[in-house]
Amino acid sequence: MKVGITGANGHVGANLIRRLLKDGHHVRVLQYHYHKGFDGLEVEVMTGDVNDNGLLAKFCSGMNVVYHLAAKI
C-alpha cells in the first residue's frame, strides 16, 4: 500500500513511518523544514507546505491512504 504522511517529523509521524515501513508499505512524506524524524529511512520525500493546494494535490496523488499529522504549535 502507498501511504502519505504530513507531519512526519513529529513524534507520532516518525513512529508511524517506522511501523509502516516494517509492514512493507511505500511511504511518502511531506517535509516542511526538518527531516530529523525520518533521516536514513527509505521514504519518498516531497518538500513544501500543506497550505499549497497544488503541492498537496501532487503529494496525495497515487496514495491509498494519507495521514494528516501536520500541526502548527
Protein backbone atom coordinates (compact mmCIF):
# COMPACT_ATOMS: atom_id res chain seq x y z
CA MET A 1 0.00 0.00 0.00
CA LYS A 2 1.16 3.56 -0.71
CA VAL A 3 0.88 5.85 2.31
CA GLY A 4 1.40 9.61 2.56
CA ILE A 5 2.22 11.36 5.83
CA THR A 6 2.22 15.06 6.62
CA GLY A 7 3.83 15.99 9.92
CA ALA A 8 6.21 13.06 9.55
CA ASN A 9 8.91 14.72 11.62
CA GLY A 10 6.79 14.80 14.77
CA HIS A 11 6.63 12.09 17.42
CA VAL A 12 3.55 10.35 16.04
CA GLY A 13 4.62 10.70 12.41
CA ALA A 14 8.15 9.41 12.97
CA ASN A 15 6.85 6.33 14.76
CA LEU A 16 4.12 5.74 12.19
CA ILE A 17 6.72 5.78 9.39
CA ARG A 18 8.76 3.09 11.10
CA ARG A 19 5.71 0.88 11.60
CA LEU A 20 4.53 1.29 8.02
CA LEU A 21 7.99 0.51 6.63
CA LYS A 22 8.24 -2.54 8.88
CA ASP A 23 4.93 -3.74 7.45
CA GLY A 24 6.27 -3.31 3.90
CA HIS A 25 4.40 -0.18 2.80
CA HIS A 26 5.70 2.53 0.47
CA VAL A 27 5.82 5.81 2.43
CA ARG A 28 5.81 9.34 1.03
CA VAL A 29 6.38 12.21 3.46
CA LEU A 30 5.75 15.91 3.10
CA GLN A 31 8.71 17.73 4.61
CA TYR A 32 8.30 21.35 5.62
CA HIS A 33 11.63 22.31 7.22
CA TYR A 34 13.15 19.49 9.20
CA HIS A 35 13.72 15.83 8.45
CA LYS A 36 15.40 14.55 11.59
CA GLY A 37 12.46 12.25 12.40
CA PHE A 38 12.95 10.18 9.23
CA ASP A 39 16.65 10.61 8.40
CA GLY A 40 18.13 7.45 6.94
CA LEU A 41 14.78 5.77 6.29
CA GLU A 42 13.62 4.51 2.90
CA VAL A 43 10.91 7.10 2.29
CA GLU A 44 9.92 9.24 -0.66
CA VAL A 45 10.32 12.89 0.34
CA MET A 46 8.45 15.88 -1.04
CA THR A 47 9.27 19.33 0.31
CA GLY A 48 6.70 22.04 0.79
CA ASP A 49 3.85 23.48 2.80
CA VAL A 50 0.45 21.85 3.43
CA ASN A 51 -1.10 25.25 2.65
CA ASP A 52 -0.01 24.92 -1.00
CA ASN A 53 -3.06 23.30 -2.62
CA GLY A 54 -1.24 22.37 -5.83
CA LEU A 55 1.58 20.69 -3.97
CA LEU A 56 -0.85 18.92 -1.66
CA ALA A 57 -2.72 17.52 -4.66
CA LYS A 58 0.55 16.16 -6.10
CA PHE A 59 1.52 14.78 -2.68
CA CYS A 60 -1.77 12.88 -2.34
CA SER A 61 -1.77 11.64 -5.95
CA GLY A 62 -1.41 7.87 -6.13
CA MET A 63 -1.63 7.37 -2.36
CA ASN A 64 -4.03 4.78 -0.96
CA VAL A 65 -4.07 6.48 2.45
CA VAL A 66 -2.89 9.88 3.70
CA TYR A 67 -2.29 10.58 7.39
CA HIS A 68 -2.50 14.30 8.04
CA LEU A 69 -0.41 14.83 11.18
CA ALA A 70 0.97 18.30 10.47
CA ALA A 71 0.17 20.95 13.04
CA LYS A 72 1.14 24.49 13.91
CA ILE A 73 2.15 24.78 17.53
